[in-house]
């Protein structure tokens, strides 16, 4: 399922926290990738469909530095094949002792129009990656080359990333807190609901900062809270 443009625009304006709640209502409780953080939390939301790369533990006789001379090496091929607008998601088995990628590969993804990159391992050249105009998420910096511990094996297959199942085409959303995985078939309705939730939460925040109690307001169990919210929406155009 191709990501709808309106859905993409909506997801660029909502938080992963709100998306977690919307998914929780549908019984999906394990969609937030664990122990993965943005290199630069000031970047805007990352939104795109998942394009995956799977690593297995490296075996020394299969991973000398010369493997990169092969143009079909899975890591290099994945960087060249990841579609513009997609998010590359790497299964590094939550092992950040060796890098999942470095600044040159991430730069290549950036100039090809890829929407972002996520690994449950680490990046080398992390200060340089943080400065690039592409959202990047990892566990922590890691200088050793990926070949030290990782063997790239499969491209665009179901993977695990930070204890979350990621299927090719799932919708990835990242913000200053982390990354959430939305099943592709739910993306449109989740984006719509999260947009409505965000409007209400913005209203509630304004009221709380004015000194109003959360009781009866959040959730809006008092009828007056609902009336006030509708008046706020009419005034703000939300």
Protein backbone atom coordinates (compact mmCIF):
# COMPACT_ATOMS: atom_id res chain seq x y z
CA UNK A 1 0.00 0.00 0.00
CA UNK A 2 1.50 3.33 -1.05
CA UNK A 3 1.58 5.97 1.66
CA UNK A 4 -1.16 8.50 1.05
CA UNK A 5 0.16 12.08 0.77
CA UNK A 6 -2.46 13.46 3.15
CA UNK A 7 -1.60 10.74 5.66
CA UNK A 8 2.08 11.61 5.36
CA UNK A 9 1.39 15.29 5.99
CA UNK A 10 -0.72 14.47 9.03
CA UNK A 11 1.95 12.19 10.48
CA UNK A 12 4.53 14.93 10.11
CA UNK A 13 2.57 17.02 12.63
CA UNK A 14 1.85 14.52 15.42
CA UNK A 15 4.01 13.02 18.14
CA UNK A 16 5.08 9.43 18.60
CA UNK A 17 3.47 9.63 22.05
CA UNK A 18 0.08 10.40 20.52
CA UNK A 19 0.55 7.68 17.92
CA UNK A 20 1.38 5.19 20.68
CA UNK A 21 -1.94 5.97 22.34
CA UNK A 22 -3.89 5.63 19.09
CA UNK A 23 -2.30 2.23 18.47
CA UNK A 24 -2.83 1.19 22.10
CA UNK A 25 -6.57 1.70 21.61
CA UNK A 26 -6.38 -0.95 18.89
CA UNK A 27 -4.51 -3.42 21.07
CA UNK A 28 -1.07 -2.70 19.60
CA UNK A 29 1.21 -2.10 22.57
CA UNK A 30 4.67 -2.85 21.22
CA UNK A 31 5.19 -0.49 18.29
CA UNK A 32 7.69 1.99 19.78
CA UNK A 33 11.27 0.96 18.97
CA UNK A 34 13.17 0.51 22.20
CA UNK A 35 16.48 2.20 23.06
CA UNK A 36 16.70 4.12 19.78
CA UNK A 37 17.16 7.88 19.84
CA UNK A 38 17.54 10.71 17.31
CA UNK A 39 21.05 11.95 16.61
CA UNK A 40 19.53 15.42 16.27
CA UNK A 41 16.19 15.76 18.09
CA UNK A 42 15.65 19.22 16.58
CA UNK A 43 14.86 17.84 13.13
CA UNK A 44 11.22 17.62 12.10
CA UNK A 45 9.25 14.40 12.00
CA UNK A 46 10.58 11.56 9.89
CA UNK A 47 7.82 9.80 7.93
CA UNK A 48 8.19 7.07 5.32
CA UNK A 49 7.61 3.45 4.46
CA UNK A 50 10.05 0.89 5.82
CA UNK A 51 12.77 -0.55 3.60
CA UNK A 52 14.69 -3.08 5.64
CA UNK A 53 18.18 -4.53 5.97
CA UNK A 54 18.95 -7.51 8.19
CA UNK A 55 22.29 -8.24 9.80
CA UNK A 56 23.36 -11.53 11.38
CA UNK A 57 26.43 -12.05 13.58
CA UNK A 58 29.60 -11.75 11.53
CA UNK A 59 31.79 -14.77 10.90
CA UNK A 60 35.40 -13.79 10.40
CA UNK A 61 36.12 -15.89 7.31
CA UNK A 62 33.10 -14.38 5.51
CA UNK A 63 33.65 -10.75 6.42
CA UNK A 64 37.11 -9.50 5.43
CA UNK A 65 37.31 -5.89 4.32
CA UNK A 66 37.49 -7.10 0.71
CA UNK A 67 33.79 -8.00 0.69
CA UNK A 68 33.05 -4.35 -0.08
CA UNK A 69 34.65 -4.82 -3.52
CA UNK A 70 31.51 -6.76 -4.47
CA UNK A 71 28.99 -4.31 -5.92
CA UNK A 72 26.21 -6.62 -4.79
CA UNK A 73 27.26 -6.59 -1.15
CA UNK A 74 23.89 -6.39 0.66
CA UNK A 75 24.74 -3.31 2.71
CA UNK A 76 25.91 -1.33 -0.30
CA UNK A 77 23.09 -2.64 -2.49
CA UNK A 78 20.48 -1.70 0.12
CA UNK A 79 21.78 1.88 0.17
CA UNK A 80 21.44 2.10 -3.61
CA UNK A 81 18.06 0.33 -3.74
CA UNK A 82 16.24 2.09 -0.88
CA UNK A 83 13.49 4.11 -2.61
CA UNK A 84 13.26 7.88 -2.31
CA UNK A 85 10.79 8.75 0.44
CA UNK A 86 11.34 5.46 2.27
CA UNK A 87 12.99 4.94 5.65
CA UNK A 88 15.85 2.47 5.82
CA UNK A 89 15.43 0.29 8.92
CA UNK A 90 18.34 -1.90 10.01
CA UNK A 91 18.14 -4.95 12.24
CA UNK A 92 21.45 -4.91 14.10
CA UNK A 93 20.19 -7.25 16.83
CA UNK A 94 20.41 -4.39 19.37
CA UNK A 95 24.21 -4.70 19.18
CA UNK A 96 25.90 -1.29 19.05
CA UNK A 97 29.44 -2.59 19.55
CA UNK A 98 30.04 -2.15 15.81
CA UNK A 99 28.51 0.41 13.48
CA UNK A 100 25.47 -0.27 11.33
CA UNK A 101 26.62 2.39 8.85
CA UNK A 102 28.69 5.58 8.64
CA UNK A 103 28.39 9.08 7.31
CA UNK A 104 29.24 8.26 3.68
CA UNK A 105 26.43 5.73 3.34
CA UNK A 106 23.96 7.96 5.15
CA UNK A 107 25.00 10.87 2.92
CA UNK A 108 24.26 8.71 -0.11
CA UNK A 109 20.79 7.94 1.26
CA UNK A 110 20.23 11.64 1.84
CA UNK A 111 21.10 12.76 -1.69
CA UNK A 112 18.93 9.96 -3.10
CA UNK A 113 15.93 11.41 -1.27
CA UNK A 114 15.51 8.76 1.41
CA UNK A 115 13.37 10.03 4.30
CA UNK A 116 15.49 8.69 7.16
CA UNK A 117 17.49 5.83 8.64
CA UNK A 118 16.92 3.79 11.81
CA UNK A 119 19.05 1.13 13.48
CA UNK A 120 18.85 -0.58 16.84
CA UNK A 121 22.65 -0.61 16.78
CA UNK A 122 24.98 2.34 16.38
CA UNK A 123 26.42 4.67 13.75
CA UNK A 124 30.04 5.58 13.22
CA UNK A 125 30.82 9.19 12.23
CA UNK A 126 27.80 10.11 14.35
CA UNK A 127 28.65 13.83 14.68
CA UNK A 128 28.79 14.10 10.89
CA UNK A 129 25.52 12.18 10.50
CA UNK A 130 23.82 14.42 13.05
CA UNK A 131 24.71 17.42 10.90
CA UNK A 132 23.21 15.95 7.72
CA UNK A 133 19.78 16.96 6.44
CA UNK A 134 18.32 13.50 7.04
CA UNK A 135 16.76 12.17 10.25
CA UNK A 136 18.84 9.38 11.79
CA UNK A 137 18.11 7.23 14.83
CA UNK A 138 20.38 4.81 16.67
CA UNK A 139 21.23 3.42 20.09
CA UNK A 140 24.63 5.09 20.54
CA UNK A 141 27.80 6.05 18.64
CA UNK A 142 30.02 3.17 17.55
CA UNK A 143 33.31 3.61 15.71
CA UNK A 144 34.15 0.01 14.61
CA UNK A 145 33.19 -0.95 11.05
CA UNK A 146 30.07 -3.07 10.70
CA UNK A 147 32.14 -6.04 9.50
CA UNK A 148 33.56 -6.37 13.00
CA UNK A 149 30.31 -7.87 14.29
CA UNK A 150 27.64 -7.67 11.58
CA UNK A 151 27.10 -9.49 8.31
CA UNK A 152 24.55 -7.86 6.01
CA UNK A 153 22.36 -10.63 4.66
CA UNK A 154 18.76 -9.84 3.66
CA UNK A 155 17.19 -6.81 1.99
CA UNK A 156 13.54 -5.78 2.41
CA UNK A 157 12.38 -8.72 4.50
CA UNK A 158 10.52 -8.70 7.83
CA UNK A 159 12.93 -7.83 10.64
CA UNK A 160 13.06 -7.00 14.31
CA UNK A 161 14.33 -3.56 15.29
CA UNK A 162 14.49 -2.58 18.95
CA UNK A 163 12.09 -5.40 19.90
CA UNK A 164 9.50 -4.33 17.32
CA UNK A 165 8.47 -6.31 14.24
CA UNK A 166 9.00 -4.24 11.10
CA UNK A 167 7.55 -5.39 7.79
CA UNK A 168 8.52 -3.78 4.48
CA UNK A 169 6.01 -1.03 3.78
CA UNK A 170 5.13 -0.38 7.42
CA UNK A 171 4.95 3.34 8.11
CA UNK A 172 7.81 4.66 10.22
CA UNK A 173 7.37 7.88 12.17
CA UNK A 174 10.21 9.44 14.14
CA UNK A 175 10.31 12.56 16.30
CA UNK A 176 12.48 13.97 19.08
CA UNK A 177 11.66 11.04 21.35
CA UNK A 178 12.12 8.08 19.04
CA UNK A 179 10.50 5.96 16.35
CA UNK A 180 7.16 4.19 16.08
CA UNK A 181 6.06 1.55 13.57
CA UNK A 182 2.52 1.80 12.17
CA UNK A 183 1.18 -1.23 10.28
CA UNK A 184 0.59 -0.10 6.71
CA UNK A 185 -3.12 -0.96 6.65
CA UNK A 186 -3.77 1.22 9.70
CA UNK A 187 -1.78 4.28 8.64
CA UNK A 188 -4.65 6.36 7.26
CA UNK A 189 -6.99 5.92 10.22
CA UNK A 190 -4.20 6.29 12.79
CA UNK A 191 -3.01 9.53 11.18
CA UNK A 192 -6.53 10.93 11.16
CA UNK A 193 -7.20 10.00 14.78
CA UNK A 194 -3.81 11.28 15.95
CA UNK A 195 -4.49 14.60 14.24
CA UNK A 196 -7.76 14.93 16.19
CA UNK A 197 -6.04 13.87 19.42
CA UNK A 198 -3.31 16.46 18.89
CA UNK A 199 -5.83 19.24 18.48
CA UNK A 200 -7.51 18.26 21.74
CA UNK A 201 -4.18 17.92 23.56
CA UNK A 202 -3.13 21.38 22.39
CA UNK A 203 -6.39 22.79 23.75
CA UNK A 204 -5.88 20.97 27.06
CA UNK A 205 -2.31 22.23 27.34
CA UNK A 206 -3.44 25.83 26.91
CA UNK A 207 -6.10 25.39 29.57
CA UNK A 208 -3.74 23.71 32.06
CA UNK A 209 -1.16 26.48 31.60
CA UNK A 210 -3.92 28.94 32.49
CA UNK A 211 -4.38 27.11 35.78
CA UNK A 212 -7.33 24.83 34.97
CA UNK A 213 -7.59 21.46 36.69
CA UNK A 214 -7.18 18.30 34.63
CA UNK A 215 -10.16 16.76 36.43
CA UNK A 216 -13.07 16.74 34.04
CA UNK A 217 -10.84 18.19 31.33
CA UNK A 218 -8.45 15.35 30.53
CA UNK A 219 -10.33 13.20 29.70
CA UNK A 220 -13.25 15.58 29.02
CA UNK A 221 -15.80 14.03 31.37
CA UNK A 222 -17.35 17.44 32.08
CA UNK A 223 -19.73 18.63 29.39
CA UNK A 224 -18.31 22.14 29.72
CA UNK A 225 -14.88 20.85 28.63
CA UNK A 226 -16.39 19.58 25.38
CA UNK A 227 -18.18 22.88 24.81
CA UNK A 228 -14.98 24.81 25.48
CA UNK A 229 -13.02 22.59 23.10
CA UNK A 230 -15.46 23.16 20.26
CA UNK A 231 -15.28 26.91 20.85
CA UNK A 232 -11.47 26.71 20.82
CA UNK A 233 -11.53 24.78 17.53
CA UNK A 234 -13.80 27.37 15.95
CA UNK A 235 -11.51 30.17 17.13
CA UNK A 236 -8.23 28.51 16.07
CA UNK A 237 -9.41 26.78 12.92
CA UNK A 238 -8.34 23.41 14.29
